[in-house]
């Protein structure tokens, strides 16, 4: 059974990411499952740190992007928005080439808060980062103030 509030497509997610950080670091959504969302990000001059490996902040950008998009796709966006409250990440191994693939799955989906786990993998399928993202679900009117 799907957790999503309404059906959405990869093209819909692509369009939402235009002219944002998502587009700047070349994040691409690649799969929508019943209870997970997948995206990739290349390891490139846009995402590497000076030693030639994936920047930890770039890993957090990918993790927060996938988790935030997923969090908003499980709520009625006419009434609510899910916004980030806290993210943590454990960087497990360096990645210097290729791309990283992130998979977001919910840990807890509440009325006013959500917690997501996002695992990032290198091209060899080895986990290079694990992240937990906490989201607050707020009323749309509160964004206007």
N, C-alpha and C. Protein backbone atom coordinates (compact mmCIF):
# COMPACT_ATOMS: atom_id res chain seq x y z
N UNK A 1 0.83 -1.18 0.00
CA UNK A 1 0.00 0.00 0.00
C UNK A 1 0.88 1.26 0.00
N UNK A 2 0.56 2.20 -0.83
CA UNK A 2 1.36 3.41 -0.99
C UNK A 2 1.14 4.40 0.15
N UNK A 3 2.22 5.08 0.54
CA UNK A 3 2.15 6.11 1.59
C UNK A 3 1.87 7.49 1.01
N UNK A 4 1.94 7.64 -0.30
CA UNK A 4 1.85 8.96 -0.92
C UNK A 4 0.43 9.50 -0.88
N UNK A 5 0.30 10.81 -0.64
CA UNK A 5 -1.02 11.46 -0.55
C UNK A 5 -1.76 11.39 -1.86
N UNK A 6 -1.03 11.60 -2.95
CA UNK A 6 -1.61 11.50 -4.29
C UNK A 6 -0.52 11.05 -5.24
N UNK A 7 -0.88 10.50 -6.37
CA UNK A 7 0.14 10.05 -7.33
C UNK A 7 0.98 11.23 -7.84
N UNK A 8 2.26 10.99 -8.03
CA UNK A 8 3.15 11.99 -8.62
C UNK A 8 4.15 11.25 -9.49
N UNK A 9 4.80 11.99 -10.38
CA UNK A 9 5.71 11.37 -11.33
C UNK A 9 7.13 11.91 -11.14
N UNK A 10 8.08 11.21 -11.73
CA UNK A 10 9.46 11.69 -11.70
C UNK A 10 9.59 13.03 -12.42
N UNK A 11 8.82 13.22 -13.48
CA UNK A 11 8.86 14.50 -14.18
C UNK A 11 8.34 15.63 -13.29
N UNK A 12 7.31 15.36 -12.50
CA UNK A 12 6.80 16.35 -11.55
C UNK A 12 7.91 16.77 -10.58
N UNK A 13 8.66 15.80 -10.07
CA UNK A 13 9.75 16.11 -9.14
C UNK A 13 10.87 16.88 -9.84
N UNK A 14 11.16 16.52 -11.09
CA UNK A 14 12.16 17.25 -11.86
C UNK A 14 11.76 18.72 -12.02
N UNK A 15 10.52 18.96 -12.38
CA UNK A 15 10.04 20.33 -12.59
C UNK A 15 10.12 21.15 -11.31
N UNK A 16 9.82 20.52 -10.17
CA UNK A 16 9.88 21.24 -8.89
C UNK A 16 11.30 21.63 -8.52
N UNK A 17 12.29 20.88 -9.03
CA UNK A 17 13.68 21.15 -8.67
C UNK A 17 14.38 22.17 -9.53
N UNK A 18 13.75 22.60 -10.61
CA UNK A 18 14.38 23.59 -11.48
C UNK A 18 14.64 24.89 -10.72
N UNK A 19 15.77 25.50 -10.99
CA UNK A 19 16.18 26.77 -10.38
C UNK A 19 16.30 26.68 -8.85
N UNK A 20 16.68 25.49 -8.36
CA UNK A 20 16.90 25.29 -6.93
C UNK A 20 18.25 24.60 -6.73
N UNK A 21 18.61 24.34 -5.49
CA UNK A 21 19.83 23.60 -5.17
C UNK A 21 19.83 22.24 -5.87
N UNK A 22 18.66 21.63 -6.00
CA UNK A 22 18.52 20.32 -6.65
C UNK A 22 19.13 20.38 -8.04
N UNK A 23 18.78 21.39 -8.79
CA UNK A 23 19.27 21.55 -10.15
C UNK A 23 20.76 21.91 -10.16
N UNK A 24 21.18 22.72 -9.21
CA UNK A 24 22.58 23.18 -9.17
C UNK A 24 23.55 22.02 -8.99
N UNK A 25 23.22 21.04 -8.16
CA UNK A 25 24.14 19.91 -7.92
C UNK A 25 23.73 18.67 -8.70
N UNK A 26 22.80 18.83 -9.65
CA UNK A 26 22.42 17.77 -10.59
C UNK A 26 21.78 16.55 -9.93
N UNK A 27 20.96 16.79 -8.91
CA UNK A 27 20.20 15.70 -8.29
C UNK A 27 19.10 15.28 -9.25
N UNK A 28 18.94 13.97 -9.42
CA UNK A 28 17.91 13.43 -10.30
C UNK A 28 17.11 12.36 -9.57
N UNK A 29 15.80 12.56 -9.50
CA UNK A 29 14.93 11.54 -8.92
C UNK A 29 14.79 10.41 -9.93
N UNK A 30 14.95 9.18 -9.45
CA UNK A 30 15.00 8.04 -10.37
C UNK A 30 13.95 6.96 -10.12
N UNK A 31 13.37 6.93 -8.92
CA UNK A 31 12.41 5.86 -8.63
C UNK A 31 11.46 6.29 -7.51
N UNK A 32 10.21 5.92 -7.69
CA UNK A 32 9.17 6.13 -6.67
C UNK A 32 8.62 4.76 -6.33
N UNK A 33 8.79 4.34 -5.09
CA UNK A 33 8.22 3.07 -4.64
C UNK A 33 6.99 3.33 -3.79
N UNK A 34 6.35 2.28 -3.31
CA UNK A 34 5.17 2.45 -2.46
C UNK A 34 5.50 3.18 -1.17
N UNK A 35 6.72 3.01 -0.65
CA UNK A 35 7.08 3.64 0.63
C UNK A 35 8.52 4.16 0.63
N UNK A 36 9.04 4.48 -0.54
CA UNK A 36 10.40 5.03 -0.61
C UNK A 36 10.55 5.90 -1.84
N UNK A 37 11.59 6.74 -1.81
CA UNK A 37 11.92 7.62 -2.93
C UNK A 37 13.42 7.55 -3.15
N UNK A 38 13.84 7.51 -4.42
CA UNK A 38 15.26 7.35 -4.77
C UNK A 38 15.70 8.51 -5.66
N UNK A 39 16.90 9.00 -5.41
CA UNK A 39 17.51 10.03 -6.26
C UNK A 39 19.01 9.80 -6.31
N UNK A 40 19.63 10.35 -7.36
CA UNK A 40 21.08 10.25 -7.52
C UNK A 40 21.69 11.64 -7.61
N UNK A 41 23.01 11.67 -7.35
CA UNK A 41 23.77 12.92 -7.48
C UNK A 41 25.18 12.55 -7.93
N UNK A 42 25.69 13.20 -8.98
CA UNK A 42 27.05 12.88 -9.41
C UNK A 42 28.09 13.42 -8.44
N UNK A 43 29.19 12.70 -8.36
CA UNK A 43 30.36 13.19 -7.63
C UNK A 43 31.16 13.97 -8.67
N UNK A 44 31.13 15.29 -8.55
CA UNK A 44 31.74 16.16 -9.56
C UNK A 44 32.37 17.37 -8.87
N UNK A 45 32.88 18.28 -9.68
CA UNK A 45 33.47 19.49 -9.10
C UNK A 45 32.44 20.30 -8.32
N UNK A 46 31.17 20.11 -8.58
CA UNK A 46 30.11 20.80 -7.83
C UNK A 46 29.89 20.21 -6.44
N UNK A 47 30.26 18.94 -6.26
CA UNK A 47 29.93 18.25 -5.01
C UNK A 47 31.14 17.73 -4.25
N UNK A 48 32.34 17.89 -4.81
CA UNK A 48 33.55 17.42 -4.13
C UNK A 48 34.15 18.50 -3.25
N UNK A 49 34.88 18.06 -2.24
CA UNK A 49 35.68 18.99 -1.46
C UNK A 49 37.11 18.99 -2.01
N UNK A 50 37.98 19.79 -1.43
CA UNK A 50 39.30 20.02 -2.03
C UNK A 50 40.18 18.78 -2.13
N UNK A 51 39.90 17.71 -1.38
CA UNK A 51 40.69 16.48 -1.48
C UNK A 51 40.18 15.55 -2.59
N UNK A 52 39.18 16.01 -3.33
CA UNK A 52 38.69 15.22 -4.45
C UNK A 52 37.67 14.16 -4.10
N UNK A 53 37.11 14.23 -2.90
CA UNK A 53 36.06 13.28 -2.51
C UNK A 53 34.76 14.03 -2.25
N UNK A 54 33.69 13.29 -2.24
CA UNK A 54 32.37 13.88 -2.02
C UNK A 54 32.35 14.67 -0.71
N UNK A 55 31.90 15.89 -0.78
CA UNK A 55 31.80 16.77 0.39
C UNK A 55 30.68 16.26 1.29
N UNK A 56 30.91 16.23 2.59
CA UNK A 56 29.88 15.79 3.53
C UNK A 56 28.63 16.64 3.45
N UNK A 57 28.81 17.93 3.20
CA UNK A 57 27.65 18.81 3.05
C UNK A 57 26.83 18.46 1.82
N UNK A 58 27.49 18.01 0.75
CA UNK A 58 26.76 17.59 -0.44
C UNK A 58 25.95 16.34 -0.16
N UNK A 59 26.51 15.43 0.64
CA UNK A 59 25.75 14.24 1.05
C UNK A 59 24.49 14.67 1.82
N UNK A 60 24.64 15.66 2.69
CA UNK A 60 23.49 16.17 3.44
C UNK A 60 22.47 16.84 2.52
N UNK A 61 22.96 17.54 1.50
CA UNK A 61 22.05 18.16 0.53
C UNK A 61 21.22 17.08 -0.16
N UNK A 62 21.86 16.01 -0.60
CA UNK A 62 21.12 14.92 -1.25
C UNK A 62 20.13 14.29 -0.28
N UNK A 63 20.59 13.98 0.92
CA UNK A 63 19.72 13.34 1.92
C UNK A 63 18.53 14.24 2.26
N UNK A 64 18.77 15.51 2.52
CA UNK A 64 17.68 16.40 2.88
C UNK A 64 16.73 16.63 1.71
N UNK A 65 17.26 16.68 0.51
CA UNK A 65 16.41 16.85 -0.66
C UNK A 65 15.45 15.67 -0.81
N UNK A 66 15.97 14.47 -0.77
CA UNK A 66 15.10 13.30 -0.95
C UNK A 66 14.09 13.20 0.19
N UNK A 67 14.57 13.37 1.42
CA UNK A 67 13.68 13.28 2.57
C UNK A 67 12.62 14.37 2.59
N UNK A 68 13.00 15.59 2.25
CA UNK A 68 12.05 16.70 2.25
C UNK A 68 10.99 16.52 1.17
N UNK A 69 11.42 16.12 -0.01
CA UNK A 69 10.46 15.91 -1.09
C UNK A 69 9.50 14.78 -0.71
N UNK A 70 10.05 13.69 -0.20
CA UNK A 70 9.20 12.57 0.22
C UNK A 70 8.22 13.01 1.31
N UNK A 71 8.70 13.78 2.28
CA UNK A 71 7.84 14.23 3.38
C UNK A 71 6.67 15.05 2.87
N UNK A 72 6.92 15.89 1.87
CA UNK A 72 5.83 16.70 1.33
C UNK A 72 4.89 15.90 0.45
N UNK A 73 5.35 14.80 -0.07
CA UNK A 73 4.49 13.98 -0.93
C UNK A 73 3.55 13.07 -0.15
N UNK A 74 3.70 13.00 1.17
CA UNK A 74 2.78 12.18 1.97
C UNK A 74 1.71 13.02 2.67
N UNK A 75 1.72 14.34 2.44
CA UNK A 75 0.74 15.22 3.08
C UNK A 75 -0.07 15.97 2.03
N UNK A 76 -1.16 16.55 2.46
CA UNK A 76 -2.00 17.38 1.60
C UNK A 76 -1.33 18.75 1.49
N UNK A 77 -0.67 19.02 0.36
CA UNK A 77 0.08 20.26 0.21
C UNK A 77 -0.81 21.49 0.02
N UNK A 78 -2.10 21.29 -0.14
CA UNK A 78 -3.01 22.43 -0.16
C UNK A 78 -3.18 23.00 1.25
N UNK A 79 -2.92 22.17 2.26
CA UNK A 79 -3.11 22.58 3.66
C UNK A 79 -1.81 22.67 4.45
N UNK A 80 -0.83 21.84 4.11
CA UNK A 80 0.37 21.69 4.94
C UNK A 80 1.64 21.75 4.11
N UNK A 81 2.75 22.02 4.80
CA UNK A 81 4.09 21.88 4.24
C UNK A 81 4.95 21.19 5.30
N UNK A 82 5.81 20.33 4.83
CA UNK A 82 6.78 19.68 5.72
C UNK A 82 8.10 20.43 5.54
N UNK A 83 8.67 20.90 6.64
CA UNK A 83 9.91 21.65 6.61
C UNK A 83 10.93 20.99 7.54
N UNK A 84 12.19 21.09 7.16
CA UNK A 84 13.24 20.44 7.94
C UNK A 84 13.42 21.05 9.31
N UNK A 85 13.59 20.18 10.30
CA UNK A 85 13.90 20.61 11.66
C UNK A 85 15.32 20.24 12.06
N UNK A 86 15.73 19.03 11.67
CA UNK A 86 17.04 18.55 12.08
C UNK A 86 17.49 17.47 11.12
N UNK A 87 18.77 17.49 10.80
CA UNK A 87 19.36 16.42 9.99
C UNK A 87 20.68 16.02 10.64
N UNK A 88 20.96 14.73 10.62
CA UNK A 88 22.29 14.27 11.02
C UNK A 88 22.75 13.28 9.98
N UNK A 89 24.04 13.14 9.89
CA UNK A 89 24.60 12.25 8.89
C UNK A 89 25.88 11.64 9.42
N UNK A 90 26.02 10.35 9.20
CA UNK A 90 27.27 9.64 9.50
C UNK A 90 27.90 9.29 8.16
N UNK A 91 29.09 9.82 7.92
CA UNK A 91 29.80 9.59 6.66
C UNK A 91 30.66 8.34 6.86
N UNK A 92 30.37 7.30 6.11
CA UNK A 92 30.96 5.99 6.36
C UNK A 92 32.17 5.67 5.50
N UNK A 93 32.20 6.17 4.28
CA UNK A 93 33.34 5.92 3.40
C UNK A 93 33.40 7.02 2.35
N UNK A 94 34.60 7.34 1.86
CA UNK A 94 34.73 8.38 0.84
C UNK A 94 34.26 7.88 -0.53
N UNK A 95 33.81 8.82 -1.34
CA UNK A 95 33.45 8.53 -2.73
C UNK A 95 34.13 9.60 -3.58
N UNK A 96 34.90 9.17 -4.58
CA UNK A 96 35.63 10.14 -5.39
C UNK A 96 35.19 10.19 -6.84
N UNK A 97 34.44 9.20 -7.30
CA UNK A 97 33.99 9.18 -8.70
C UNK A 97 32.58 8.62 -8.78
N UNK A 98 31.99 8.78 -9.95
CA UNK A 98 30.68 8.18 -10.20
C UNK A 98 29.55 9.03 -9.65
N UNK A 99 28.62 8.35 -9.03
CA UNK A 99 27.47 9.03 -8.44
C UNK A 99 27.11 8.35 -7.14
N UNK A 100 26.32 9.04 -6.34
CA UNK A 100 25.77 8.44 -5.14
C UNK A 100 24.25 8.36 -5.33
N UNK A 101 23.69 7.29 -4.79
CA UNK A 101 22.26 7.05 -4.88
C UNK A 101 21.69 7.05 -3.48
N UNK A 102 20.65 7.85 -3.27
CA UNK A 102 20.01 7.94 -1.96
C UNK A 102 18.62 7.35 -1.98
N UNK A 103 18.30 6.64 -0.90
CA UNK A 103 16.98 6.03 -0.73
C UNK A 103 16.40 6.52 0.58
N UNK A 104 15.25 7.19 0.50
CA UNK A 104 14.56 7.70 1.69
C UNK A 104 13.38 6.81 2.03
N UNK A 105 13.29 6.42 3.31
CA UNK A 105 12.16 5.62 3.80
C UNK A 105 11.70 6.24 5.12
N UNK A 106 10.40 6.24 5.36
CA UNK A 106 9.92 6.83 6.61
C UNK A 106 10.20 5.94 7.81
N UNK A 107 10.54 6.58 8.91
CA UNK A 107 10.62 5.89 10.20
C UNK A 107 9.33 6.14 10.97
N UNK A 108 8.83 7.39 10.91
CA UNK A 108 7.60 7.76 11.59
C UNK A 108 6.90 8.86 10.79
N UNK A 109 5.62 8.65 10.52
CA UNK A 109 4.81 9.64 9.81
C UNK A 109 3.68 10.06 10.73
N UNK A 110 3.85 11.18 11.42
CA UNK A 110 2.82 11.70 12.31
C UNK A 110 2.08 12.86 11.70
N UNK A 111 1.07 13.33 12.41
CA UNK A 111 0.27 14.45 11.91
C UNK A 111 1.09 15.74 11.86
N UNK A 112 1.97 15.97 12.83
CA UNK A 112 2.73 17.22 12.91
C UNK A 112 4.25 17.03 12.80
N UNK A 113 4.70 15.80 12.74
CA UNK A 113 6.14 15.57 12.56
C UNK A 113 6.36 14.25 11.82
N UNK A 114 7.50 14.19 11.18
CA UNK A 114 7.91 13.00 10.44
C UNK A 114 9.39 12.78 10.69
N UNK A 115 9.82 11.53 10.63
CA UNK A 115 11.23 11.19 10.70
C UNK A 115 11.53 10.24 9.53
N UNK A 116 12.57 10.57 8.79
CA UNK A 116 12.97 9.80 7.61
C UNK A 116 14.41 9.31 7.76
N UNK A 117 14.66 8.12 7.25
CA UNK A 117 16.02 7.59 7.16
C UNK A 117 16.42 7.62 5.69
N UNK A 118 17.61 8.16 5.43
CA UNK A 118 18.11 8.24 4.07
C UNK A 118 19.48 7.58 4.04
N UNK A 119 19.61 6.56 3.20
CA UNK A 119 20.88 5.86 3.04
C UNK A 119 21.45 6.21 1.66
N UNK A 120 22.73 6.55 1.63
CA UNK A 120 23.41 6.87 0.38
C UNK A 120 24.40 5.76 0.05
N UNK A 121 24.45 5.39 -1.23
CA UNK A 121 25.30 4.30 -1.70
C UNK A 121 26.16 4.77 -2.86
N UNK A 122 27.38 4.22 -2.97
CA UNK A 122 28.23 4.51 -4.12
C UNK A 122 27.84 3.59 -5.27
N UNK A 123 28.55 3.70 -6.39
CA UNK A 123 28.23 2.90 -7.57
C UNK A 123 28.44 1.40 -7.36
N UNK A 124 29.22 1.03 -6.37
CA UNK A 124 29.45 -0.38 -6.07
C UNK A 124 28.41 -0.94 -5.08
N UNK A 125 27.44 -0.10 -4.70
CA UNK A 125 26.40 -0.53 -3.78
C UNK A 125 26.80 -0.52 -2.32
N UNK A 126 27.94 0.10 -2.02
CA UNK A 126 28.39 0.20 -0.63
C UNK A 126 27.86 1.49 -0.03
N UNK A 127 27.32 1.40 1.19
CA UNK A 127 26.78 2.58 1.85
C UNK A 127 27.92 3.53 2.21
N UNK A 128 27.78 4.79 1.80
CA UNK A 128 28.79 5.78 2.16
C UNK A 128 28.28 6.79 3.18
N UNK A 129 26.95 6.84 3.40
CA UNK A 129 26.40 7.79 4.37
C UNK A 129 25.02 7.30 4.81
N UNK A 130 24.72 7.50 6.07
CA UNK A 130 23.38 7.25 6.57
C UNK A 130 22.94 8.50 7.31
N UNK A 131 21.71 8.91 7.06
CA UNK A 131 21.21 10.17 7.59
C UNK A 131 19.81 9.98 8.17
N UNK A 132 19.50 10.80 9.16
CA UNK A 132 18.14 10.85 9.70
C UNK A 132 17.67 12.30 9.62
N UNK A 133 16.46 12.47 9.10
CA UNK A 133 15.90 13.80 8.88
C UNK A 133 14.58 13.92 9.63
N UNK A 134 14.48 14.93 10.48
CA UNK A 134 13.22 15.22 11.18
C UNK A 134 12.54 16.39 10.50
N UNK A 135 11.24 16.25 10.26
CA UNK A 135 10.47 17.26 9.55
C UNK A 135 9.30 17.71 10.42
N UNK A 136 9.03 19.01 10.40
CA UNK A 136 7.83 19.55 11.04
C UNK A 136 6.77 19.73 9.97
N UNK A 137 5.54 19.36 10.28
CA UNK A 137 4.42 19.56 9.36
C UNK A 137 3.65 20.77 9.87
N UNK A 138 3.65 21.84 9.07
CA UNK A 138 3.03 23.10 9.49
C UNK A 138 1.91 23.50 8.54
N UNK A 139 1.01 24.32 9.04
CA UNK A 139 -0.08 24.83 8.21
C UNK A 139 0.47 25.80 7.17
N UNK A 140 -0.09 25.76 5.98
CA UNK A 140 0.36 26.63 4.90
C UNK A 140 0.26 28.10 5.31
N UNK A 141 -0.82 28.48 6.05
CA UNK A 141 -0.99 29.89 6.45
C UNK A 141 0.17 30.37 7.29
N UNK A 142 0.80 29.50 8.06
CA UNK A 142 1.91 29.90 8.92
C UNK A 142 3.16 30.25 8.12
N UNK A 143 3.24 29.79 6.89
CA UNK A 143 4.35 30.16 6.03
C UNK A 143 4.23 31.59 5.54
N UNK A 144 3.03 32.14 5.58
CA UNK A 144 2.78 33.48 5.08
C UNK A 144 3.20 34.56 6.08
N UNK A 145 3.38 34.20 7.35
CA UNK A 145 3.71 35.20 8.37
C UNK A 145 5.17 35.38 8.55
